[in-house]
mmCIF file of all heavy atoms, coordinates in Angstrom:
data_MODEL
# 
_entry.id   MODEL 
# 
loop_
_atom_site.group_PDB 
_atom_site.id 
_atom_site.type_symbol 
_atom_site.label_atom_id 
_atom_site.label_alt_id 
_atom_site.label_comp_id 
_atom_site.label_asym_id 
_atom_site.label_entity_id 
_atom_site.label_seq_id 
_atom_site.pdbx_PDB_ins_code 
_atom_site.Cartn_x 
_atom_site.Cartn_y 
_atom_site.Cartn_z 
_atom_site.occupancy 
_atom_site.B_iso_or_equiv 
_atom_site.pdbx_formal_charge 
_atom_site.auth_seq_id 
_atom_site.auth_comp_id 
_atom_site.auth_asym_id 
_atom_site.auth_atom_id 
_atom_site.pdbx_PDB_model_num 
ATOM 1   N N   . SER A 1 1  ? 97.323 93.935  110.618 1.00 0.00 ? 1  SER A N   1 
ATOM 2   C CA  . SER A 1 1  ? 96.427 94.946  111.181 1.00 0.00 ? 1  SER A CA  1 
ATOM 3   C C   . SER A 1 1  ? 95.427 95.399  110.118 1.00 0.00 ? 1  SER A C   1 
ATOM 4   O O   . SER A 1 1  ? 95.788 95.664  108.975 1.00 0.00 ? 1  SER A O   1 
ATOM 5   C CB  . SER A 1 1  ? 97.218 96.158  111.673 1.00 0.00 ? 1  SER A CB  1 
ATOM 6   O OG  . SER A 1 1  ? 98.134 95.795  112.675 1.00 0.00 ? 1  SER A OG  1 
ATOM 7   N N   . THR A 1 2  ? 94.154 95.481  110.516 1.00 0.00 ? 2  THR A N   1 
ATOM 8   C CA  . THR A 1 2  ? 93.113 95.945  109.605 1.00 0.00 ? 2  THR A CA  1 
ATOM 9   C C   . THR A 1 2  ? 93.017 97.460  109.672 1.00 0.00 ? 2  THR A C   1 
ATOM 10  O O   . THR A 1 2  ? 92.961 98.039  110.762 1.00 0.00 ? 2  THR A O   1 
ATOM 11  C CB  . THR A 1 2  ? 91.757 95.322  109.974 1.00 0.00 ? 2  THR A CB  1 
ATOM 12  O OG1 . THR A 1 2  ? 91.857 93.888  109.914 1.00 0.00 ? 2  THR A OG1 1 
ATOM 13  C CG2 . THR A 1 2  ? 90.672 95.785  109.018 1.00 0.00 ? 2  THR A CG2 1 
ATOM 14  N N   . LEU A 1 3  ? 93.022 98.100  108.521 1.00 0.00 ? 3  LEU A N   1 
ATOM 15  C CA  . LEU A 1 3  ? 92.900 99.544  108.468 1.00 0.00 ? 3  LEU A CA  1 
ATOM 16  C C   . LEU A 1 3  ? 91.433 99.953  108.572 1.00 0.00 ? 3  LEU A C   1 
ATOM 17  O O   . LEU A 1 3  ? 90.542 99.113  108.673 1.00 0.00 ? 3  LEU A O   1 
ATOM 18  C CB  . LEU A 1 3  ? 93.506 100.071 107.163 1.00 0.00 ? 3  LEU A CB  1 
ATOM 19  C CG  . LEU A 1 3  ? 94.985 99.739  106.927 1.00 0.00 ? 3  LEU A CG  1 
ATOM 20  C CD1 . LEU A 1 3  ? 95.454 100.360 105.606 1.00 0.00 ? 3  LEU A CD1 1 
ATOM 21  C CD2 . LEU A 1 3  ? 95.837 100.235 108.075 1.00 0.00 ? 3  LEU A CD2 1 
ATOM 22  N N   . GLU A 1 4  ? 91.195 101.239 108.542 1.00 0.00 ? 4  GLU A N   1 
ATOM 23  C CA  . GLU A 1 4  ? 89.831 101.743 108.601 1.00 0.00 ? 4  GLU A CA  1 
ATOM 24  C C   . GLU A 1 4  ? 89.005 101.196 107.441 1.00 0.00 ? 4  GLU A C   1 
ATOM 25  O O   . GLU A 1 4  ? 89.538 100.854 106.389 1.00 0.00 ? 4  GLU A O   1 
ATOM 26  C CB  . GLU A 1 4  ? 89.838 103.267 108.521 1.00 0.00 ? 4  GLU A CB  1 
ATOM 27  C CG  . GLU A 1 4  ? 90.484 103.986 109.686 1.00 0.00 ? 4  GLU A CG  1 
ATOM 28  C CD  . GLU A 1 4  ? 90.565 105.479 109.426 1.00 0.00 ? 4  GLU A CD  1 
ATOM 29  O OE1 . GLU A 1 4  ? 91.281 105.867 108.488 1.00 0.00 ? 4  GLU A OE1 1 
ATOM 30  O OE2 . GLU A 1 4  ? 89.905 106.233 110.147 1.00 0.00 ? 4  GLU A OE2 1 
ATOM 31  N N   . SER A 1 5  ? 87.718 101.164 107.637 1.00 0.00 ? 5  SER A N   1 
ATOM 32  C CA  . SER A 1 5  ? 86.824 100.741 106.566 1.00 0.00 ? 5  SER A CA  1 
ATOM 33  C C   . SER A 1 5  ? 86.800 101.786 105.465 1.00 0.00 ? 5  SER A C   1 
ATOM 34  O O   . SER A 1 5  ? 87.246 102.931 105.643 1.00 0.00 ? 5  SER A O   1 
ATOM 35  C CB  . SER A 1 5  ? 85.406 100.553 107.118 1.00 0.00 ? 5  SER A CB  1 
ATOM 36  O OG  . SER A 1 5  ? 84.871 101.812 107.500 1.00 0.00 ? 5  SER A OG  1 
ATOM 37  N N   . GLU A 1 6  ? 86.294 101.384 104.335 1.00 0.00 ? 6  GLU A N   1 
ATOM 38  C CA  . GLU A 1 6  ? 86.216 102.312 103.212 1.00 0.00 ? 6  GLU A CA  1 
ATOM 39  C C   . GLU A 1 6  ? 85.385 103.529 103.576 1.00 0.00 ? 6  GLU A C   1 
ATOM 40  O O   . GLU A 1 6  ? 85.771 104.668 103.280 1.00 0.00 ? 6  GLU A O   1 
ATOM 41  C CB  . GLU A 1 6  ? 85.606 101.595 102.007 1.00 0.00 ? 6  GLU A CB  1 
ATOM 42  C CG  . GLU A 1 6  ? 85.545 102.453 100.750 1.00 0.00 ? 6  GLU A CG  1 
ATOM 43  C CD  . GLU A 1 6  ? 85.006 101.708 99.551  1.00 0.00 ? 6  GLU A CD  1 
ATOM 44  O OE1 . GLU A 1 6  ? 85.792 101.041 98.848  1.00 0.00 ? 6  GLU A OE1 1 
ATOM 45  O OE2 . GLU A 1 6  ? 83.769 101.794 99.328  1.00 0.00 ? 6  GLU A OE2 1 
ATOM 46  N N   . ASN A 1 7  ? 84.245 103.309 104.232 1.00 0.00 ? 7  ASN A N   1 
ATOM 47  C CA  . ASN A 1 7  ? 83.385 104.437 104.596 1.00 0.00 ? 7  ASN A CA  1 
ATOM 48  C C   . ASN A 1 7  ? 84.081 105.381 105.565 1.00 0.00 ? 7  ASN A C   1 
ATOM 49  O O   . ASN A 1 7  ? 83.945 106.608 105.471 1.00 0.00 ? 7  ASN A O   1 
ATOM 50  C CB  . ASN A 1 7  ? 82.073 103.927 105.203 1.00 0.00 ? 7  ASN A CB  1 
ATOM 51  C CG  . ASN A 1 7  ? 81.150 103.310 104.159 1.00 0.00 ? 7  ASN A CG  1 
ATOM 52  O OD1 . ASN A 1 7  ? 81.242 103.645 102.976 1.00 0.00 ? 7  ASN A OD1 1 
ATOM 53  N ND2 . ASN A 1 7  ? 80.270 102.420 104.587 1.00 0.00 ? 7  ASN A ND2 1 
ATOM 54  N N   . ALA A 1 8  ? 84.829 104.812 106.515 1.00 0.00 ? 8  ALA A N   1 
ATOM 55  C CA  . ALA A 1 8  ? 85.555 105.660 107.474 1.00 0.00 ? 8  ALA A CA  1 
ATOM 56  C C   . ALA A 1 8  ? 86.614 106.492 106.765 1.00 0.00 ? 8  ALA A C   1 
ATOM 57  O O   . ALA A 1 8  ? 86.811 107.673 107.085 1.00 0.00 ? 8  ALA A O   1 
ATOM 58  C CB  . ALA A 1 8  ? 86.186 104.792 108.561 1.00 0.00 ? 8  ALA A CB  1 
ATOM 59  N N   . MET A 1 9  ? 87.310 105.887 105.790 1.00 0.00 ? 9  MET A N   1 
ATOM 60  C CA  . MET A 1 9  ? 88.322 106.639 105.047 1.00 0.00 ? 9  MET A CA  1 
ATOM 61  C C   . MET A 1 9  ? 87.692 107.712 104.181 1.00 0.00 ? 9  MET A C   1 
ATOM 62  O O   . MET A 1 9  ? 88.236 108.824 104.050 1.00 0.00 ? 9  MET A O   1 
ATOM 63  C CB  . MET A 1 9  ? 89.146 105.684 104.182 1.00 0.00 ? 9  MET A CB  1 
ATOM 64  C CG  . MET A 1 9  ? 90.121 104.821 104.963 1.00 0.00 ? 9  MET A CG  1 
ATOM 65  S SD  . MET A 1 9  ? 91.238 103.934 103.844 1.00 0.00 ? 9  MET A SD  1 
ATOM 66  C CE  . MET A 1 9  ? 92.166 102.949 105.024 1.00 0.00 ? 9  MET A CE  1 
ATOM 67  N N   . LEU A 1 10 ? 86.537 107.415 103.594 1.00 0.00 ? 10 LEU A N   1 
ATOM 68  C CA  . LEU A 1 10 ? 85.860 108.416 102.776 1.00 0.00 ? 10 LEU A CA  1 
ATOM 69  C C   . LEU A 1 10 ? 85.478 109.623 103.614 1.00 0.00 ? 10 LEU A C   1 
ATOM 70  O O   . LEU A 1 10 ? 85.624 110.779 103.196 1.00 0.00 ? 10 LEU A O   1 
ATOM 71  C CB  . LEU A 1 10 ? 84.613 107.809 102.123 1.00 0.00 ? 10 LEU A CB  1 
ATOM 72  C CG  . LEU A 1 10 ? 84.856 106.812 100.994 1.00 0.00 ? 10 LEU A CG  1 
ATOM 73  C CD1 . LEU A 1 10 ? 83.542 106.160 100.564 1.00 0.00 ? 10 LEU A CD1 1 
ATOM 74  C CD2 . LEU A 1 10 ? 85.526 107.490 99.805  1.00 0.00 ? 10 LEU A CD2 1 
ATOM 75  N N   . GLN A 1 11 ? 85.009 109.364 104.816 1.00 0.00 ? 11 GLN A N   1 
ATOM 76  C CA  . GLN A 1 11 ? 84.627 110.451 105.709 1.00 0.00 ? 11 GLN A CA  1 
ATOM 77  C C   . GLN A 1 11 ? 85.853 111.227 106.189 1.00 0.00 ? 11 GLN A C   1 
ATOM 78  O O   . GLN A 1 11 ? 85.845 112.456 106.280 1.00 0.00 ? 11 GLN A O   1 
ATOM 79  C CB  . GLN A 1 11 ? 83.864 109.902 106.912 1.00 0.00 ? 11 GLN A CB  1 
ATOM 80  C CG  . GLN A 1 11 ? 83.349 110.976 107.863 1.00 0.00 ? 11 GLN A CG  1 
ATOM 81  C CD  . GLN A 1 11 ? 82.485 110.392 108.964 1.00 0.00 ? 11 GLN A CD  1 
ATOM 82  O OE1 . GLN A 1 11 ? 82.271 109.190 109.032 1.00 0.00 ? 11 GLN A OE1 1 
ATOM 83  N NE2 . GLN A 1 11 ? 81.975 111.263 109.825 1.00 0.00 ? 11 GLN A NE2 1 
ATOM 84  N N   . ARG A 1 12 ? 86.924 110.502 106.457 1.00 0.00 ? 12 ARG A N   1 
ATOM 85  C CA  . ARG A 1 12 ? 88.146 111.136 106.957 1.00 0.00 ? 12 ARG A CA  1 
ATOM 86  C C   . ARG A 1 12 ? 88.802 112.021 105.904 1.00 0.00 ? 12 ARG A C   1 
ATOM 87  O O   . ARG A 1 12 ? 89.197 113.161 106.187 1.00 0.00 ? 12 ARG A O   1 
ATOM 88  C CB  . ARG A 1 12 ? 89.116 110.052 107.410 1.00 0.00 ? 12 ARG A CB  1 
ATOM 89  C CG  . ARG A 1 12 ? 90.499 110.563 107.813 1.00 0.00 ? 12 ARG A CG  1 
ATOM 90  C CD  . ARG A 1 12 ? 91.400 109.390 108.121 1.00 0.00 ? 12 ARG A CD  1 
ATOM 91  N NE  . ARG A 1 12 ? 92.781 109.791 108.306 1.00 0.00 ? 12 ARG A NE  1 
ATOM 92  C CZ  . ARG A 1 12 ? 93.799 108.934 108.375 1.00 0.00 ? 12 ARG A CZ  1 
ATOM 93  N NH1 . ARG A 1 12 ? 93.574 107.632 108.254 1.00 0.00 ? 12 ARG A NH1 1 
ATOM 94  N NH2 . ARG A 1 12 ? 95.028 109.366 108.543 1.00 0.00 ? 12 ARG A NH2 1 
ATOM 95  N N   . PHE A 1 13 ? 88.933 111.498 104.687 1.00 0.00 ? 13 PHE A N   1 
ATOM 96  C CA  . PHE A 1 13 ? 89.647 112.233 103.652 1.00 0.00 ? 13 PHE A CA  1 
ATOM 97  C C   . PHE A 1 13 ? 88.758 113.138 102.806 1.00 0.00 ? 13 PHE A C   1 
ATOM 98  O O   . PHE A 1 13 ? 89.265 114.012 102.105 1.00 0.00 ? 13 PHE A O   1 
ATOM 99  C CB  . PHE A 1 13 ? 90.388 111.256 102.739 1.00 0.00 ? 13 PHE A CB  1 
ATOM 100 C CG  . PHE A 1 13 ? 91.479 110.475 103.420 1.00 0.00 ? 13 PHE A CG  1 
ATOM 101 C CD1 . PHE A 1 13 ? 91.438 109.086 103.482 1.00 0.00 ? 13 PHE A CD1 1 
ATOM 102 C CD2 . PHE A 1 13 ? 92.550 111.130 104.008 1.00 0.00 ? 13 PHE A CD2 1 
ATOM 103 C CE1 . PHE A 1 13 ? 92.455 108.357 104.100 1.00 0.00 ? 13 PHE A CE1 1 
ATOM 104 C CE2 . PHE A 1 13 ? 93.564 110.412 104.636 1.00 0.00 ? 13 PHE A CE2 1 
ATOM 105 C CZ  . PHE A 1 13 ? 93.507 109.037 104.690 1.00 0.00 ? 13 PHE A CZ  1 
ATOM 106 N N   . GLN A 1 14 ? 87.447 112.897 102.839 1.00 0.00 ? 14 GLN A N   1 
ATOM 107 C CA  . GLN A 1 14 ? 86.508 113.710 102.063 1.00 0.00 ? 14 GLN A CA  1 
ATOM 108 C C   . GLN A 1 14 ? 86.867 113.716 100.579 1.00 0.00 ? 14 GLN A C   1 
ATOM 109 O O   . GLN A 1 14 ? 87.050 114.762 99.948  1.00 0.00 ? 14 GLN A O   1 
ATOM 110 C CB  . GLN A 1 14 ? 86.470 115.137 102.610 1.00 0.00 ? 14 GLN A CB  1 
ATOM 111 C CG  . GLN A 1 14 ? 85.835 115.271 103.996 1.00 0.00 ? 14 GLN A CG  1 
ATOM 112 C CD  . GLN A 1 14 ? 84.352 114.921 103.991 1.00 0.00 ? 14 GLN A CD  1 
ATOM 113 O OE1 . GLN A 1 14 ? 83.545 115.602 103.338 1.00 0.00 ? 14 GLN A OE1 1 
ATOM 114 N NE2 . GLN A 1 14 ? 83.984 113.859 104.694 1.00 0.00 ? 14 GLN A NE2 1 
ATOM 115 N N   . ILE A 1 15 ? 86.984 112.506 100.031 1.00 0.00 ? 15 ILE A N   1 
ATOM 116 C CA  . ILE A 1 15 ? 87.293 112.352 98.617  1.00 0.00 ? 15 ILE A CA  1 
ATOM 117 C C   . ILE A 1 15 ? 86.284 111.407 97.990  1.00 0.00 ? 15 ILE A C   1 
ATOM 118 O O   . ILE A 1 15 ? 85.490 110.765 98.689  1.00 0.00 ? 15 ILE A O   1 
ATOM 119 C CB  . ILE A 1 15 ? 88.715 111.799 98.399  1.00 0.00 ? 15 ILE A CB  1 
ATOM 120 C CG1 . ILE A 1 15 ? 88.869 110.444 99.098  1.00 0.00 ? 15 ILE A CG1 1 
ATOM 121 C CG2 . ILE A 1 15 ? 89.758 112.796 98.866  1.00 0.00 ? 15 ILE A CG2 1 
ATOM 122 C CD1 . ILE A 1 15 ? 90.188 109.742 98.804  1.00 0.00 ? 15 ILE A CD1 1 
ATOM 123 N N   . ALA A 1 16 ? 86.323 111.299 96.668  1.00 0.00 ? 16 ALA A N   1 
ATOM 124 C CA  . ALA A 1 16 ? 85.430 110.396 95.956  1.00 0.00 ? 16 ALA A CA  1 
ATOM 125 C C   . ALA A 1 16 ? 85.857 108.944 96.167  1.00 0.00 ? 16 ALA A C   1 
ATOM 126 O O   . ALA A 1 16 ? 87.036 108.647 96.373  1.00 0.00 ? 16 ALA A O   1 
ATOM 127 C CB  . ALA A 1 16 ? 85.428 110.735 94.468  1.00 0.00 ? 16 ALA A CB  1 
ATOM 128 N N   . ARG A 1 17 ? 84.897 108.044 96.100  1.00 0.00 ? 17 ARG A N   1 
ATOM 129 C CA  . ARG A 1 17 ? 85.168 106.618 96.312  1.00 0.00 ? 17 ARG A CA  1 
ATOM 130 C C   . ARG A 1 17 ? 86.181 106.082 95.295  1.00 0.00 ? 17 ARG A C   1 
ATOM 131 O O   . ARG A 1 17 ? 87.046 105.270 95.623  1.00 0.00 ? 17 ARG A O   1 
ATOM 132 C CB  . ARG A 1 17 ? 83.853 105.827 96.207  1.00 0.00 ? 17 ARG A CB  1 
ATOM 133 C CG  . ARG A 1 17 ? 83.951 104.384 96.701  1.00 0.00 ? 17 ARG A CG  1 
ATOM 134 C CD  . ARG A 1 17 ? 82.579 103.708 96.617  1.00 0.00 ? 17 ARG A CD  1 
ATOM 135 N NE  . ARG A 1 17 ? 81.586 104.421 97.412  1.00 0.00 ? 17 ARG A NE  1 
ATOM 136 C CZ  . ARG A 1 17 ? 81.375 104.205 98.714  1.00 0.00 ? 17 ARG A CZ  1 
ATOM 137 N NH1 . ARG A 1 17 ? 82.083 103.289 99.351  1.00 0.00 ? 17 ARG A NH1 1 
ATOM 138 N NH2 . ARG A 1 17 ? 80.440 104.888 99.355  1.00 0.00 ? 17 ARG A NH2 1 
ATOM 139 N N   . GLY A 1 18 ? 86.088 106.551 94.053  1.00 0.00 ? 18 GLY A N   1 
ATOM 140 C CA  . GLY A 1 18 ? 87.016 106.089 93.027  1.00 0.00 ? 18 GLY A CA  1 
ATOM 141 C C   . GLY A 1 18 ? 88.464 106.444 93.359  1.00 0.00 ? 18 GLY A C   1 
ATOM 142 O O   . GLY A 1 18 ? 89.378 105.648 93.129  1.00 0.00 ? 18 GLY A O   1 
ATOM 143 N N   . SER A 1 19 ? 88.692 107.638 93.902  1.00 0.00 ? 19 SER A N   1 
ATOM 144 C CA  . SER A 1 19 ? 90.049 108.056 94.264  1.00 0.00 ? 19 SER A CA  1 
ATOM 145 C C   . SER A 1 19 ? 90.598 107.206 95.395  1.00 0.00 ? 19 SER A C   1 
ATOM 146 O O   . SER A 1 19 ? 91.778 106.837 95.400  1.00 0.00 ? 19 SER A O   1 
ATOM 147 C CB  . SER A 1 19 ? 90.059 109.535 94.673  1.00 0.00 ? 19 SER A CB  1 
ATOM 148 O OG  . SER A 1 19 ? 89.764 110.365 93.573  1.00 0.00 ? 19 SER A OG  1 
ATOM 149 N N   . LEU A 1 20 ? 89.745 106.903 96.383  1.00 0.00 ? 20 LEU A N   1 
ATOM 150 C CA  . LEU A 1 20 ? 90.179 106.074 97.507  1.00 0.00 ? 20 LEU A CA  1 
ATOM 151 C C   . LEU A 1 20 ? 90.535 104.670 97.033  1.00 0.00 ? 20 LEU A C   1 
ATOM 152 O O   . LEU A 1 20 ? 91.578 104.119 97.416  1.00 0.00 ? 20 LEU A O   1 
ATOM 153 C CB  . LEU A 1 20 ? 89.092 106.004 98.574  1.00 0.00 ? 20 LEU A CB  1 
ATOM 154 C CG  . LEU A 1 20 ? 89.395 105.078 99.756  1.00 0.00 ? 20 LEU A CG  1 
ATOM 155 C CD1 . LEU A 1 20 ? 90.658 105.521 100.498 1.00 0.00 ? 20 LEU A CD1 1 
ATOM 156 C CD2 . LEU A 1 20 ? 88.207 105.003 100.712 1.00 0.00 ? 20 LEU A CD2 1 
ATOM 157 N N   . ARG A 1 21 ? 89.706 104.097 96.207  1.00 0.00 ? 21 ARG A N   1 
ATOM 158 C CA  . ARG A 1 21 ? 89.976 102.738 95.736  1.00 0.00 ? 21 ARG A CA  1 
ATOM 159 C C   . ARG A 1 21 ? 91.240 102.693 94.878  1.00 0.00 ? 21 ARG A C   1 
ATOM 160 O O   . ARG A 1 21 ? 91.984 101.718 94.914  1.00 0.00 ? 21 ARG A O   1 
ATOM 161 C CB  . ARG A 1 21 ? 88.768 102.210 94.961  1.00 0.00 ? 21 ARG A CB  1 
ATOM 162 C CG  . ARG A 1 21 ? 87.575 101.931 95.881  1.00 0.00 ? 21 ARG A CG  1 
ATOM 163 C CD  . ARG A 1 21 ? 86.381 101.357 95.160  1.00 0.00 ? 21 ARG A CD  1 
ATOM 164 N NE  . ARG A 1 21 ? 85.339 100.981 96.112  1.00 0.00 ? 21 ARG A NE  1 
ATOM 165 C CZ  . ARG A 1 21 ? 84.148 100.517 95.780  1.00 0.00 ? 21 ARG A CZ  1 
ATOM 166 N NH1 . ARG A 1 21 ? 83.826 100.360 94.484  1.00 0.00 ? 21 ARG A NH1 1 
ATOM 167 N NH2 . ARG A 1 21 ? 83.257 100.196 96.715  1.00 0.00 ? 21 ARG A NH2 1 
ATOM 168 N N   . GLU A 1 22 ? 91.476 103.742 94.122  1.00 0.00 ? 22 GLU A N   1 
ATOM 169 C CA  . GLU A 1 22 ? 92.707 103.799 93.342  1.00 0.00 ? 22 GLU A CA  1 
ATOM 170 C C   . GLU A 1 22 ? 93.919 103.888 94.274  1.00 0.00 ? 22 GLU A C   1 
ATOM 171 O O   . GLU A 1 22 ? 94.953 103.262 94.038  1.00 0.00 ? 22 GLU A O   1 
ATOM 172 C CB  . GLU A 1 22 ? 92.691 105.001 92.393  1.00 0.00 ? 22 GLU A CB  1 
ATOM 173 C CG  . GLU A 1 22 ? 93.898 105.047 91.467  1.00 0.00 ? 22 GLU A CG  1 
ATOM 174 C CD  . GLU A 1 22 ? 93.841 106.200 90.486  1.00 0.00 ? 22 GLU A CD  1 
ATOM 175 O OE1 . GLU A 1 22 ? 92.797 106.875 90.407  1.00 0.00 ? 22 GLU A OE1 1 
ATOM 176 O OE2 . GLU A 1 22 ? 94.853 106.437 89.800  1.00 0.00 ? 22 GLU A OE2 1 
ATOM 177 N N   . ALA A 1 23 ? 93.791 104.652 95.356  1.00 0.00 ? 23 ALA A N   1 
ATOM 178 C CA  . ALA A 1 23 ? 94.876 104.758 96.335  1.00 0.00 ? 23 ALA A CA  1 
ATOM 179 C C   . ALA A 1 23 ? 95.182 103.403 96.950  1.00 0.00 ? 23 ALA A C   1 
ATOM 180 O O   . ALA A 1 23 ? 96.343 103.017 97.118  1.00 0.00 ? 23 ALA A O   1 
ATOM 181 C CB  . ALA A 1 23 ? 94.503 105.761 97.429  1.00 0.00 ? 23 ALA A CB  1 
ATOM 182 N N   . LEU A 1 24 ? 94.143 102.661 97.304  1.00 0.00 ? 24 LEU A N   1 
ATOM 183 C CA  . LEU A 1 24 ? 94.337 101.342 97.901  1.00 0.00 ? 24 LEU A CA  1 
ATOM 184 C C   . LEU A 1 24 ? 94.945 100.368 96.900  1.00 0.00 ? 24 LEU A C   1 
ATOM 185 O O   . LEU A 1 24 ? 95.752 99.511  97.266  1.00 0.00 ? 24 LEU A O   1 
ATOM 186 C CB  . LEU A 1 24 ? 93.004 100.805 98.441  1.00 0.00 ? 24 LEU A CB  1 
ATOM 187 C CG  . LEU A 1 24 ? 92.405 101.590 99.609  1.00 0.00 ? 24 LEU A CG  1 
ATOM 188 C CD1 . LEU A 1 24 ? 91.027 101.055 99.971  1.00 0.00 ? 24 LEU A CD1 1 
ATOM 189 C CD2 . LEU A 1 24 ? 93.322 101.535 100.822 1.00 0.00 ? 24 LEU A CD2 1 
ATOM 190 N N   . ARG A 1 25 ? 94.577 100.511 95.628  1.00 0.00 ? 25 ARG A N   1 
ATOM 191 C CA  . ARG A 1 25 ? 95.165 99.640  94.603  1.00 0.00 ? 25 ARG A CA  1 
ATOM 192 C C   . ARG A 1 25 ? 96.659 99.926  94.459  1.00 0.00 ? 25 ARG A C   1 
ATOM 193 O O   . ARG A 1 25 ? 97.460 99.009  94.238  1.00 0.00 ? 25 ARG A O   1 
ATOM 194 C CB  . ARG A 1 25 ? 94.452 99.833  93.258  1.00 0.00 ? 25 ARG A CB  1 
ATOM 195 C CG  . ARG A 1 25 ? 93.142 99.079  93.152  1.00 0.00 ? 25 ARG A CG  1 
ATOM 196 C CD  . ARG A 1 25 ? 92.670 98.996  91.706  1.00 0.00 ? 25 ARG A CD  1 
ATOM 197 N NE  . ARG A 1 25 ? 92.343 100.310 91.167  1.00 0.00 ? 25 ARG A NE  1 
ATOM 198 C CZ  . ARG A 1 25 ? 91.148 100.885 91.250  1.00 0.00 ? 25 ARG A CZ  1 
ATOM 199 N NH1 . ARG A 1 25 ? 90.160 100.250 91.878  1.00 0.00 ? 25 ARG A NH1 1 
ATOM 200 N NH2 . ARG A 1 25 ? 90.924 102.071 90.716  1.00 0.00 ? 25 ARG A NH2 1 
# 
């Protein structure tokens, strides 16, 4: 299953891109 796109997650969580990418890593 494909999760939300990066942009959708950024909008949903309202966090910086670096934090989101670290979470995915």
